[in-house]
Amino acid sequence: MNYKLFDDAILLKLLKAGDASALEEIYARYSEMVLLAALKKVKSKPIAEELVQNIFVSLWVKRETAQIQQLQAYLQSAIRYQVIDYIRAQLIREKYYQSASAQMNVQENLSESRLLLHELSIAIDNTIKKLPQKTQEIFRLSRYEKRSTKEIAQHMNLSEKAVEYHVTQSLKFMRLHLKDFIIVELFLMHL
């Protein structure tokens, strides 16, 4: 049988009956037109070819239930929807990758910040240990326990001026020994 002689309506009836040769003829007639339409939109021949294959596979799978009036119009619509679905999937994939990449950057920055904070904390502790014992204690009461100058003076049986002197000296010492840490000034202010 020469399927090239049949019009689209007969090919559709044969296709509906499960005639694979009818699908081959439909493919031969329309695959190039559909490919060019897809290629115009996706700008990639392998992707366009895959979308065309999807259309003809779907046509075969749905052959018994598909209500096709005009074969050429049906295939043009089908490729349009295939392209739209492909572009939508690409956009979703791209958004996912951007989101995942941003999340990884946040995690990396968070890990880096934690590491820097840990290193700073160790450096501060080591620097505090270099202070005289009384200055260390006053510094800890002032910055870690958030006690006022008056409270520290009463607790340690010192004048407020002496407490202020020890805090000032400890801060100068800390700045000098921790100058490599850019954020030490901010950190010490918030202790």
N, C-alpha and C. Protein backbone atom coordinates (compact mmCIF):
# COMPACT_ATOMS: atom_id res chain seq x y z
N MET A 1 0.83 -1.18 0.00
CA MET A 1 0.00 0.00 0.00
C MET A 1 0.88 1.24 0.00
N ASN A 2 0.54 2.19 -0.82
CA ASN A 2 1.32 3.42 -0.91
C ASN A 2 0.61 4.50 -0.07
N TYR A 3 1.13 4.73 1.13
CA TYR A 3 0.52 5.68 2.07
C TYR A 3 0.65 7.13 1.61
N LYS A 4 1.54 7.40 0.70
CA LYS A 4 1.74 8.77 0.22
C LYS A 4 0.52 9.27 -0.54
N LEU A 5 -0.27 8.35 -1.04
CA LEU A 5 -1.45 8.72 -1.82
C LEU A 5 -2.64 9.09 -0.93
N PHE A 6 -2.59 8.69 0.35
CA PHE A 6 -3.71 8.93 1.25
C PHE A 6 -3.70 10.36 1.77
N ASP A 7 -4.90 10.90 1.95
CA ASP A 7 -4.96 12.23 2.57
C ASP A 7 -4.90 12.05 4.10
N ASP A 8 -4.82 13.19 4.81
CA ASP A 8 -4.65 13.16 6.26
C ASP A 8 -5.80 12.45 6.97
N ALA A 9 -7.00 12.62 6.50
CA ALA A 9 -8.17 12.02 7.16
C ALA A 9 -8.06 10.49 7.15
N ILE A 10 -7.65 9.92 6.01
CA ILE A 10 -7.50 8.46 5.92
C ILE A 10 -6.33 8.00 6.80
N LEU A 11 -5.24 8.75 6.78
CA LEU A 11 -4.09 8.40 7.62
C LEU A 11 -4.48 8.40 9.11
N LEU A 12 -5.30 9.36 9.51
CA LEU A 12 -5.75 9.41 10.90
C LEU A 12 -6.61 8.20 11.26
N LYS A 13 -7.47 7.76 10.34
CA LYS A 13 -8.30 6.57 10.58
C LYS A 13 -7.41 5.33 10.70
N LEU A 14 -6.43 5.22 9.80
CA LEU A 14 -5.51 4.08 9.86
C LEU A 14 -4.68 4.12 11.15
N LEU A 15 -4.26 5.30 11.53
CA LEU A 15 -3.49 5.47 12.77
C LEU A 15 -4.32 5.02 13.96
N LYS A 16 -5.58 5.46 13.99
CA LYS A 16 -6.49 5.11 15.09
C LYS A 16 -6.67 3.59 15.17
N ALA A 17 -6.59 2.92 14.04
CA ALA A 17 -6.74 1.46 13.99
C ALA A 17 -5.43 0.74 14.36
N GLY A 18 -4.35 1.53 14.58
CA GLY A 18 -3.09 0.93 15.02
C GLY A 18 -2.12 0.64 13.89
N ASP A 19 -2.30 1.28 12.78
CA ASP A 19 -1.43 1.06 11.62
C ASP A 19 -0.16 1.91 11.79
N ALA A 20 0.95 1.26 12.09
CA ALA A 20 2.23 1.95 12.31
C ALA A 20 2.73 2.62 11.04
N SER A 21 2.41 2.08 9.89
CA SER A 21 2.83 2.68 8.62
C SER A 21 2.16 4.04 8.41
N ALA A 22 0.96 4.19 8.92
CA ALA A 22 0.27 5.48 8.83
C ALA A 22 1.04 6.52 9.64
N LEU A 23 1.52 6.14 10.82
CA LEU A 23 2.33 7.05 11.64
C LEU A 23 3.61 7.41 10.90
N GLU A 24 4.23 6.44 10.25
CA GLU A 24 5.46 6.71 9.51
C GLU A 24 5.21 7.74 8.40
N GLU A 25 4.09 7.63 7.72
CA GLU A 25 3.76 8.58 6.66
C GLU A 25 3.48 9.98 7.24
N ILE A 26 2.76 10.02 8.35
CA ILE A 26 2.49 11.31 9.00
C ILE A 26 3.83 11.94 9.41
N TYR A 27 4.71 11.13 9.94
CA TYR A 27 6.04 11.62 10.35
C TYR A 27 6.79 12.15 9.13
N ALA A 28 6.77 11.42 8.05
CA ALA A 28 7.48 11.83 6.83
C ALA A 28 6.93 13.15 6.29
N ARG A 29 5.62 13.34 6.39
CA ARG A 29 5.01 14.55 5.86
C ARG A 29 5.25 15.79 6.74
N TYR A 30 5.20 15.59 8.04
CA TYR A 30 5.13 16.75 8.93
C TYR A 30 6.32 16.94 9.88
N SER A 31 7.19 16.00 9.96
CA SER A 31 8.26 16.11 10.96
C SER A 31 9.18 17.31 10.70
N GLU A 32 9.47 17.58 9.43
CA GLU A 32 10.36 18.71 9.12
C GLU A 32 9.70 20.05 9.48
N MET A 33 8.42 20.20 9.18
CA MET A 33 7.69 21.42 9.51
C MET A 33 7.67 21.64 11.03
N VAL A 34 7.40 20.58 11.75
CA VAL A 34 7.32 20.66 13.20
C VAL A 34 8.72 20.93 13.78
N LEU A 35 9.73 20.29 13.20
CA LEU A 35 11.11 20.51 13.66
C LEU A 35 11.52 21.96 13.48
N LEU A 36 11.22 22.54 12.33
CA LEU A 36 11.57 23.95 12.08
C LEU A 36 10.86 24.89 13.06
N ALA A 37 9.60 24.59 13.36
CA ALA A 37 8.85 25.41 14.32
C ALA A 37 9.50 25.33 15.71
N ALA A 38 9.91 24.15 16.10
CA ALA A 38 10.55 23.97 17.41
C ALA A 38 11.92 24.64 17.43
N LEU A 39 12.66 24.45 16.34
CA LEU A 39 14.02 25.00 16.24
C LEU A 39 14.01 26.52 16.32
N LYS A 40 12.98 27.14 15.79
CA LYS A 40 12.84 28.60 15.84
C LYS A 40 12.79 29.09 17.29
N LYS A 41 12.17 28.31 18.15
CA LYS A 41 11.96 28.73 19.53
C LYS A 41 13.08 28.28 20.48
N VAL A 42 13.55 27.06 20.33
CA VAL A 42 14.53 26.55 21.31
C VAL A 42 15.98 26.72 20.87
N LYS A 43 16.20 27.01 19.61
CA LYS A 43 17.54 27.30 19.08
C LYS A 43 18.57 26.19 19.30
N SER A 44 18.09 24.98 19.43
CA SER A 44 18.98 23.84 19.61
C SER A 44 18.40 22.65 18.85
N LYS A 45 19.15 22.16 17.86
CA LYS A 45 18.63 21.06 17.04
C LYS A 45 18.38 19.79 17.85
N PRO A 46 19.31 19.37 18.73
CA PRO A 46 19.02 18.15 19.50
C PRO A 46 17.76 18.28 20.37
N ILE A 47 17.56 19.44 20.97
CA ILE A 47 16.37 19.63 21.80
C ILE A 47 15.13 19.66 20.93
N ALA A 48 15.19 20.37 19.81
CA ALA A 48 14.05 20.43 18.90
C ALA A 48 13.70 19.03 18.40
N GLU A 49 14.70 18.23 18.06
CA GLU A 49 14.46 16.86 17.59
C GLU A 49 13.79 16.03 18.69
N GLU A 50 14.23 16.22 19.92
CA GLU A 50 13.63 15.48 21.04
C GLU A 50 12.17 15.87 21.23
N LEU A 51 11.88 17.17 21.10
CA LEU A 51 10.49 17.63 21.24
C LEU A 51 9.61 17.05 20.13
N VAL A 52 10.15 17.00 18.92
CA VAL A 52 9.40 16.42 17.79
C VAL A 52 9.14 14.94 18.05
N GLN A 53 10.15 14.24 18.51
CA GLN A 53 9.96 12.81 18.82
C GLN A 53 8.87 12.64 19.88
N ASN A 54 8.87 13.51 20.88
CA ASN A 54 7.85 13.44 21.93
C ASN A 54 6.44 13.57 21.34
N ILE A 55 6.30 14.46 20.38
CA ILE A 55 4.98 14.67 19.76
C ILE A 55 4.52 13.41 19.03
N PHE A 56 5.42 12.82 18.27
CA PHE A 56 5.00 11.65 17.48
C PHE A 56 4.81 10.41 18.36
N VAL A 57 5.58 10.30 19.41
CA VAL A 57 5.36 9.20 20.37
C VAL A 57 3.99 9.39 21.03
N SER A 58 3.70 10.63 21.45
CA SER A 58 2.42 10.93 22.07
C SER A 58 1.26 10.67 21.10
N LEU A 59 1.46 11.03 19.83
CA LEU A 59 0.43 10.79 18.82
C LEU A 59 0.13 9.29 18.72
N TRP A 60 1.16 8.47 18.77
CA TRP A 60 0.98 7.02 18.69
C TRP A 60 0.30 6.49 19.96
N VAL A 61 0.75 6.96 21.10
CA VAL A 61 0.19 6.48 22.37
C VAL A 61 -1.28 6.86 22.51
N LYS A 62 -1.63 8.06 22.07
CA LYS A 62 -3.00 8.56 22.22
C LYS A 62 -3.85 8.34 20.97
N ARG A 63 -3.39 7.51 20.06
CA ARG A 63 -4.04 7.36 18.75
C ARG A 63 -5.50 6.96 18.86
N GLU A 64 -5.85 6.14 19.85
CA GLU A 64 -7.22 5.65 19.95
C GLU A 64 -8.17 6.68 20.54
N THR A 65 -7.65 7.57 21.38
CA THR A 65 -8.52 8.52 22.07
C THR A 65 -8.41 9.95 21.54
N ALA A 66 -7.39 10.24 20.79
CA ALA A 66 -7.19 11.61 20.29
C ALA A 66 -8.31 12.01 19.33
N GLN A 67 -8.81 13.21 19.50
CA GLN A 67 -9.85 13.76 18.63
C GLN A 67 -9.19 14.80 17.72
N ILE A 68 -8.62 14.35 16.62
CA ILE A 68 -7.89 15.22 15.72
C ILE A 68 -8.74 15.49 14.49
N GLN A 69 -9.03 16.78 14.27
CA GLN A 69 -9.81 17.17 13.11
C GLN A 69 -8.89 17.53 11.94
N GLN A 70 -7.89 18.34 12.22
CA GLN A 70 -6.95 18.85 11.20
C GLN A 70 -5.55 18.47 11.67
N LEU A 71 -4.91 17.53 11.00
CA LEU A 71 -3.62 16.98 11.43
C LEU A 71 -2.53 18.03 11.51
N GLN A 72 -2.40 18.85 10.49
CA GLN A 72 -1.34 19.86 10.48
C GLN A 72 -1.52 20.85 11.63
N ALA A 73 -2.73 21.32 11.85
CA ALA A 73 -3.02 22.27 12.94
C ALA A 73 -2.75 21.61 14.30
N TYR A 74 -3.15 20.32 14.40
CA TYR A 74 -2.90 19.59 15.64
C TYR A 74 -1.40 19.51 15.94
N LEU A 75 -0.61 19.16 14.94
CA LEU A 75 0.84 19.03 15.15
C LEU A 75 1.49 20.38 15.46
N GLN A 76 1.01 21.45 14.83
CA GLN A 76 1.54 22.78 15.13
C GLN A 76 1.23 23.19 16.57
N SER A 77 0.03 22.90 17.00
CA SER A 77 -0.33 23.19 18.40
C SER A 77 0.48 22.32 19.36
N ALA A 78 0.61 21.07 19.00
CA ALA A 78 1.35 20.14 19.87
C ALA A 78 2.79 20.59 20.06
N ILE A 79 3.44 21.03 18.97
CA ILE A 79 4.84 21.46 19.11
C ILE A 79 4.90 22.76 19.91
N ARG A 80 3.93 23.62 19.73
CA ARG A 80 3.90 24.87 20.50
C ARG A 80 3.83 24.55 22.00
N TYR A 81 2.97 23.62 22.37
CA TYR A 81 2.85 23.25 23.78
C TYR A 81 4.09 22.52 24.29
N GLN A 82 4.68 21.70 23.44
CA GLN A 82 5.94 21.03 23.83
C GLN A 82 7.03 22.06 24.12
N VAL A 83 7.12 23.06 23.26
CA VAL A 83 8.13 24.12 23.45
C VAL A 83 7.84 24.89 24.73
N ILE A 84 6.59 25.25 24.95
CA ILE A 84 6.22 25.99 26.17
C ILE A 84 6.57 25.16 27.40
N ASP A 85 6.23 23.88 27.39
CA ASP A 85 6.56 23.01 28.53
C ASP A 85 8.07 22.91 28.74
N TYR A 86 8.80 22.82 27.63
CA TYR A 86 10.26 22.74 27.72
C TYR A 86 10.83 24.02 28.34
N ILE A 87 10.37 25.18 27.84
CA ILE A 87 10.87 26.47 28.35
C ILE A 87 10.49 26.63 29.82
N ARG A 88 9.27 26.27 30.17
CA ARG A 88 8.83 26.36 31.57
C ARG A 88 9.72 25.47 32.45
N ALA A 89 9.99 24.26 32.00
CA ALA A 89 10.85 23.35 32.77
C ALA A 89 12.26 23.93 32.92
N GLN A 90 12.76 24.56 31.85
CA GLN A 90 14.09 25.19 31.91
C GLN A 90 14.10 26.32 32.92
N LEU A 91 13.05 27.15 32.91
CA LEU A 91 12.97 28.26 33.85
C LEU A 91 12.91 27.76 35.30
N ILE A 92 12.12 26.74 35.52
CA ILE A 92 12.03 26.15 36.86
C ILE A 92 13.38 25.59 37.28
N ARG A 93 14.03 24.88 36.37
CA ARG A 93 15.34 24.30 36.65
C ARG A 93 16.36 25.42 36.97
N GLU A 94 16.30 26.48 36.18
CA GLU A 94 17.23 27.61 36.37
C GLU A 94 16.99 28.28 37.73
N LYS A 95 15.72 28.49 38.07
CA LYS A 95 15.40 29.08 39.37
C LYS A 95 15.88 28.17 40.50
N TYR A 96 15.69 26.87 40.32
CA TYR A 96 16.15 25.92 41.34
C TYR A 96 17.67 26.01 41.50
N TYR A 97 18.39 26.01 40.38
CA TYR A 97 19.85 26.09 40.45
C TYR A 97 20.31 27.40 41.09
N GLN A 98 19.65 28.50 40.74
CA GLN A 98 20.00 29.78 41.34
C GLN A 98 19.72 29.76 42.84
N SER A 99 18.59 29.21 43.21
CA SER A 99 18.24 29.12 44.62
C SER A 99 19.22 28.23 45.37
N ALA A 100 19.53 27.09 44.77
CA ALA A 100 20.47 26.17 45.41
C ALA A 100 21.85 26.80 45.51
N SER A 101 22.26 27.51 44.47
CA SER A 101 23.56 28.18 44.48
C SER A 101 23.59 29.26 45.55
N ALA A 102 22.53 30.04 45.63
CA ALA A 102 22.46 31.09 46.65
C ALA A 102 22.50 30.48 48.05
N GLN A 103 21.77 29.37 48.22
CA GLN A 103 21.76 28.69 49.52
C GLN A 103 23.15 28.18 49.87
N MET A 104 23.85 27.64 48.88
CA MET A 104 25.22 27.15 49.13
C MET A 104 26.13 28.32 49.50
N ASN A 105 25.97 29.47 48.82
CA ASN A 105 26.78 30.64 49.15
C ASN A 105 26.50 31.11 50.57
N VAL A 106 25.22 31.10 50.95
CA VAL A 106 24.86 31.50 52.32
C VAL A 106 25.50 30.54 53.32
N GLN A 107 25.41 29.25 53.02
CA GLN A 107 26.00 28.25 53.92
C GLN A 107 27.52 28.42 54.02
N GLU A 108 28.16 28.67 52.87
CA GLU A 108 29.60 28.87 52.87
C GLU A 108 29.97 30.12 53.67
N ASN A 109 29.21 31.20 53.46
CA ASN A 109 29.48 32.44 54.20
C ASN A 109 29.24 32.24 55.68
N LEU A 110 28.19 31.50 56.02
CA LEU A 110 27.88 31.23 57.41
C LEU A 110 29.00 30.41 58.05
N SER A 111 29.46 29.39 57.34
CA SER A 111 30.55 28.56 57.85
C SER A 111 31.82 29.38 58.01
N GLU A 112 32.10 30.22 57.03
CA GLU A 112 33.29 31.06 57.09
C GLU A 112 33.18 32.04 58.27
N SER A 113 32.01 32.62 58.45
CA SER A 113 31.80 33.56 59.56
C SER A 113 31.96 32.86 60.90
N ARG A 114 31.42 31.65 61.00
CA ARG A 114 31.56 30.88 62.25
C ARG A 114 33.02 30.58 62.53
N LEU A 115 33.75 30.23 61.49
CA LEU A 115 35.17 29.93 61.66
C LEU A 115 35.92 31.18 62.12
N LEU A 116 35.66 32.31 61.45
CA LEU A 116 36.32 33.56 61.84
C LEU A 116 35.95 33.96 63.27
N LEU A 117 34.70 33.80 63.61
CA LEU A 117 34.26 34.13 64.96
C LEU A 117 34.94 33.23 65.98
N HIS A 118 35.06 31.96 65.65
CA HIS A 118 35.74 31.01 66.54
C HIS A 118 37.22 31.39 66.71
N GLU A 119 37.86 31.72 65.59
CA GLU A 119 39.27 32.13 65.66
C GLU A 119 39.42 33.40 66.48
N LEU A 120 38.50 34.34 66.30
CA LEU A 120 38.54 35.59 67.06
C LEU A 120 38.34 35.32 68.54
N SER A 121 37.40 34.45 68.85
CA SER A 121 37.12 34.11 70.24
C SER A 121 38.36 33.51 70.91
N ILE A 122 39.04 32.63 70.20
CA ILE A 122 40.27 32.03 70.74
C ILE A 122 41.34 33.10 70.94
N ALA A 123 41.49 33.99 69.95
CA ALA A 123 42.48 35.07 70.04
C ALA A 123 42.17 35.99 71.21
N ILE A 124 40.90 36.31 71.41
CA ILE A 124 40.51 37.18 72.54
C ILE A 124 40.84 36.50 73.86
N ASP A 125 40.46 35.22 73.99
CA ASP A 125 40.75 34.49 75.23
C ASP A 125 42.25 34.44 75.50
N ASN A 126 43.03 34.19 74.47
CA ASN A 126 44.49 34.13 74.64
C ASN A 126 45.05 35.50 75.03
N THR A 127 44.49 36.55 74.47
CA THR A 127 44.96 37.91 74.79
C THR A 127 44.56 38.28 76.22
N ILE A 128 43.36 37.92 76.62
CA ILE A 128 42.92 38.21 77.99
C ILE A 128 43.85 37.53 78.99
N LYS A 129 44.29 36.33 78.66
CA LYS A 129 45.18 35.58 79.58
C LYS A 129 46.53 36.27 79.76
N LYS A 130 46.89 37.15 78.84
CA LYS A 130 48.16 37.87 78.94
C LYS A 130 48.06 39.09 79.86
N LEU A 131 46.82 39.49 80.20
CA LEU A 131 46.61 40.63 81.09
C LEU A 131 46.95 40.25 82.53
N PRO A 132 47.29 41.24 83.37
CA PRO A 132 47.46 40.94 84.79
C PRO A 132 46.15 40.37 85.36
N GLN A 133 46.26 39.57 86.40
CA GLN A 133 45.11 38.85 86.97
C GLN A 133 43.95 39.79 87.31
N LYS A 134 44.21 40.88 88.00
CA LYS A 134 43.16 41.81 88.42
C LYS A 134 42.50 42.45 87.19
N THR A 135 43.28 42.82 86.20
CA THR A 135 42.75 43.43 84.98
C THR A 135 41.89 42.42 84.21
N GLN A 136 42.33 41.17 84.20
CA GLN A 136 41.54 40.10 83.55
C GLN A 136 40.16 40.00 84.20
N GLU A 137 40.16 39.96 85.51
CA GLU A 137 38.90 39.79 86.24
C GLU A 137 37.98 40.98 85.99
N ILE A 138 38.53 42.20 86.05
CA ILE A 138 37.72 43.40 85.81
C ILE A 138 37.18 43.39 84.37
N PHE A 139 38.02 43.03 83.43
CA PHE A 139 37.59 42.97 82.03
C PHE A 139 36.43 41.98 81.86
N ARG A 140 36.56 40.81 82.43
CA ARG A 140 35.50 39.79 82.31
C ARG A 140 34.20 40.25 82.96
N LEU A 141 34.31 40.86 84.13
CA LEU A 141 33.11 41.36 84.79
C LEU A 141 32.44 42.45 83.95
N SER A 142 33.25 43.30 83.36
CA SER A 142 32.73 44.41 82.57
C SER A 142 32.13 43.94 81.26
N ARG A 143 32.86 43.14 80.52
CA ARG A 143 32.45 42.80 79.16
C ARG A 143 31.63 41.52 79.05
N TYR A 144 31.93 40.53 79.86
CA TYR A 144 31.20 39.26 79.76
C TYR A 144 29.97 39.22 80.66
N GLU A 145 30.10 39.76 81.85
CA GLU A 145 28.97 39.72 82.79
C GLU A 145 28.15 41.01 82.77
N LYS A 146 28.60 41.97 81.97
CA LYS A 146 27.88 43.24 81.77
C LYS A 146 27.64 44.00 83.07
N ARG A 147 28.57 43.93 83.97
CA ARG A 147 28.43 44.67 85.23
C ARG A 147 28.88 46.11 85.04
N SER A 148 28.27 47.00 85.78
CA SER A 148 28.62 48.41 85.70
C SER A 148 29.93 48.66 86.45
N THR A 149 30.51 49.82 86.20
CA THR A 149 31.75 50.21 86.89
C THR A 149 31.52 50.22 88.40
N LYS A 150 30.39 50.74 88.81
CA LYS A 150 30.06 50.82 90.24
C LYS A 150 29.96 49.42 90.86
N GLU A 151 29.29 48.49 90.16
CA GLU A 151 29.15 47.12 90.68
C GLU A 151 30.52 46.44 90.80
N ILE A 152 31.35 46.63 89.80
CA ILE A 152 32.68 46.02 89.81
C ILE A 152 33.50 46.62 90.96
N ALA A 153 33.42 47.93 91.14
CA ALA A 153 34.17 48.60 92.21
C ALA A 153 33.75 48.04 93.56
N GLN A 154 32.46 47.86 93.79
CA GLN A 154 31.97 47.32 95.06
C GLN A 154 32.40 45.86 95.22
N HIS A 155 32.27 45.10 94.15
CA HIS A 155 32.62 43.68 94.20
C HIS A 155 34.10 43.46 94.51
N MET A 156 34.95 44.27 93.90
CA MET A 156 36.41 44.08 94.05
C MET A 156 37.03 45.01 95.09
N ASN A 157 36.19 45.79 95.73
CA ASN A 157 36.67 46.70 96.77
C ASN A 157 37.71 47.67 96.20
N LEU A 158 37.36 48.30 95.08
CA LEU A 158 38.22 49.27 94.39
C LEU A 158 37.42 50.54 94.16
N SER A 159 38.13 51.60 93.82
CA SER A 159 37.43 52.83 93.44
C SER A 159 36.94 52.68 92.00
N GLU A 160 35.92 53.46 91.65
CA GLU A 160 35.40 53.43 90.29
C GLU A 160 36.46 53.88 89.29
N LYS A 161 37.28 54.83 89.69
CA LYS A 161 38.37 55.31 88.82
C LYS A 161 39.35 54.17 88.53
N ALA A 162 39.64 53.34 89.52
CA ALA A 162 40.57 52.22 89.33
C ALA A 162 39.97 51.21 88.35
N VAL A 163 38.68 50.96 88.49
CA VAL A 163 37.99 50.03 87.58
C VAL A 163 38.04 50.58 86.16
N GLU A 164 37.72 51.86 85.98
CA GLU A 164 37.77 52.49 84.66
C GLU A 164 39.17 52.39 84.06
N TYR A 165 40.19 52.59 84.89
CA TYR A 165 41.57 52.51 84.44
C TYR A 165 41.88 51.10 83.91
N HIS A 166 41.48 50.07 84.67
CA HIS A 166 41.74 48.67 84.26
C HIS A 166 41.00 48.33 82.97
N VAL A 167 39.75 48.79 82.84
CA VAL A 167 38.97 48.52 81.62
C VAL A 167 39.63 49.21 80.44
N THR A 168 40.02 50.47 80.61
CA THR A 168 40.68 51.23 79.54
C THR A 168 41.98 50.56 79.12
N GLN A 169 42.77 50.16 80.09
CA GLN A 169 44.05 49.51 79.79
C GLN A 169 43.84 48.17 79.08
N SER A 170 42.85 47.41 79.54
CA SER A 170 42.60 46.11 78.91
C SER A 170 42.14 46.30 77.47
N LEU A 171 41.30 47.31 77.20
CA LEU A 171 40.84 47.56 75.84
C LEU A 171 41.99 47.99 74.93
N LYS A 172 42.86 48.86 75.44
CA LYS A 172 44.03 49.26 74.66
C LYS A 172 44.90 48.05 74.34
N PHE A 173 45.12 47.21 75.34
CA PHE A 173 45.94 46.01 75.18
C PHE A 173 45.30 45.08 74.13
N MET A 174 43.98 44.93 74.22
CA MET A 174 43.26 44.05 73.29
C MET A 174 43.38 44.59 71.86
N ARG A 175 43.17 45.88 71.68
CA ARG A 175 43.26 46.47 70.33
C ARG A 175 44.65 46.27 69.74
N LEU A 176 45.66 46.47 70.58
CA LEU A 176 47.04 46.32 70.13
C LEU A 176 47.34 44.89 69.70
N HIS A 177 46.91 43.93 70.50
CA HIS A 177 47.24 42.53 70.23
C HIS A 177 46.29 41.86 69.23
N LEU A 178 45.16 42.48 68.99
CA LEU A 178 44.18 41.87 68.07
C LEU A 178 43.99 42.73 66.81
N LYS A 179 44.97 43.54 66.48
CA LYS A 179 44.83 44.46 65.35
C LYS A 179 44.61 43.73 64.02
N ASP A 180 44.98 42.45 63.94
CA ASP A 180 44.78 41.70 62.70
C ASP A 180 43.32 41.34 62.46
N PHE A 181 42.55 41.40 63.51
CA PHE A 181 41.12 41.10 63.37
C PHE A 181 40.37 42.41 63.14
N ILE A 182 39.88 42.58 61.95
CA ILE A 182 39.21 43.83 61.56
C ILE A 182 37.97 44.08 62.41
N ILE A 183 37.27 43.04 62.78
CA ILE A 183 36.01 43.22 63.48
C ILE A 183 36.17 43.27 64.99
N VAL A 184 37.38 43.23 65.49
CA VAL A 184 37.58 43.19 66.94
C VAL A 184 36.96 44.41 67.62
N GLU A 185 37.06 45.56 66.99
CA GLU A 185 36.52 46.78 67.57
C GLU A 185 35.01 46.63 67.79
N LEU A 186 34.31 46.16 66.76
CA LEU A 186 32.88 45.97 66.88
C LEU A 186 32.54 44.91 67.92
N PHE A 187 33.29 43.84 67.90
CA PHE A 187 33.05 42.74 68.82
C PHE A 187 33.24 43.20 70.27
N LEU A 188 34.32 43.91 70.53
CA LEU A 188 34.61 44.36 71.89
C LEU A 188 33.54 45.35 72.37
N MET A 189 33.00 46.15 71.46
CA MET A 189 31.97 47.10 71.83
C MET A 189 30.69 46.38 72.27
N HIS A 190 30.44 45.22 71.68
CA HIS A 190 29.19 44.51 71.95
C HIS A 190 29.34 43.45 73.03
N LEU A 191 30.51 43.29 73.56
CA LEU A 191 30.70 42.30 74.63
C LEU A 191 30.02 42.75 75.89
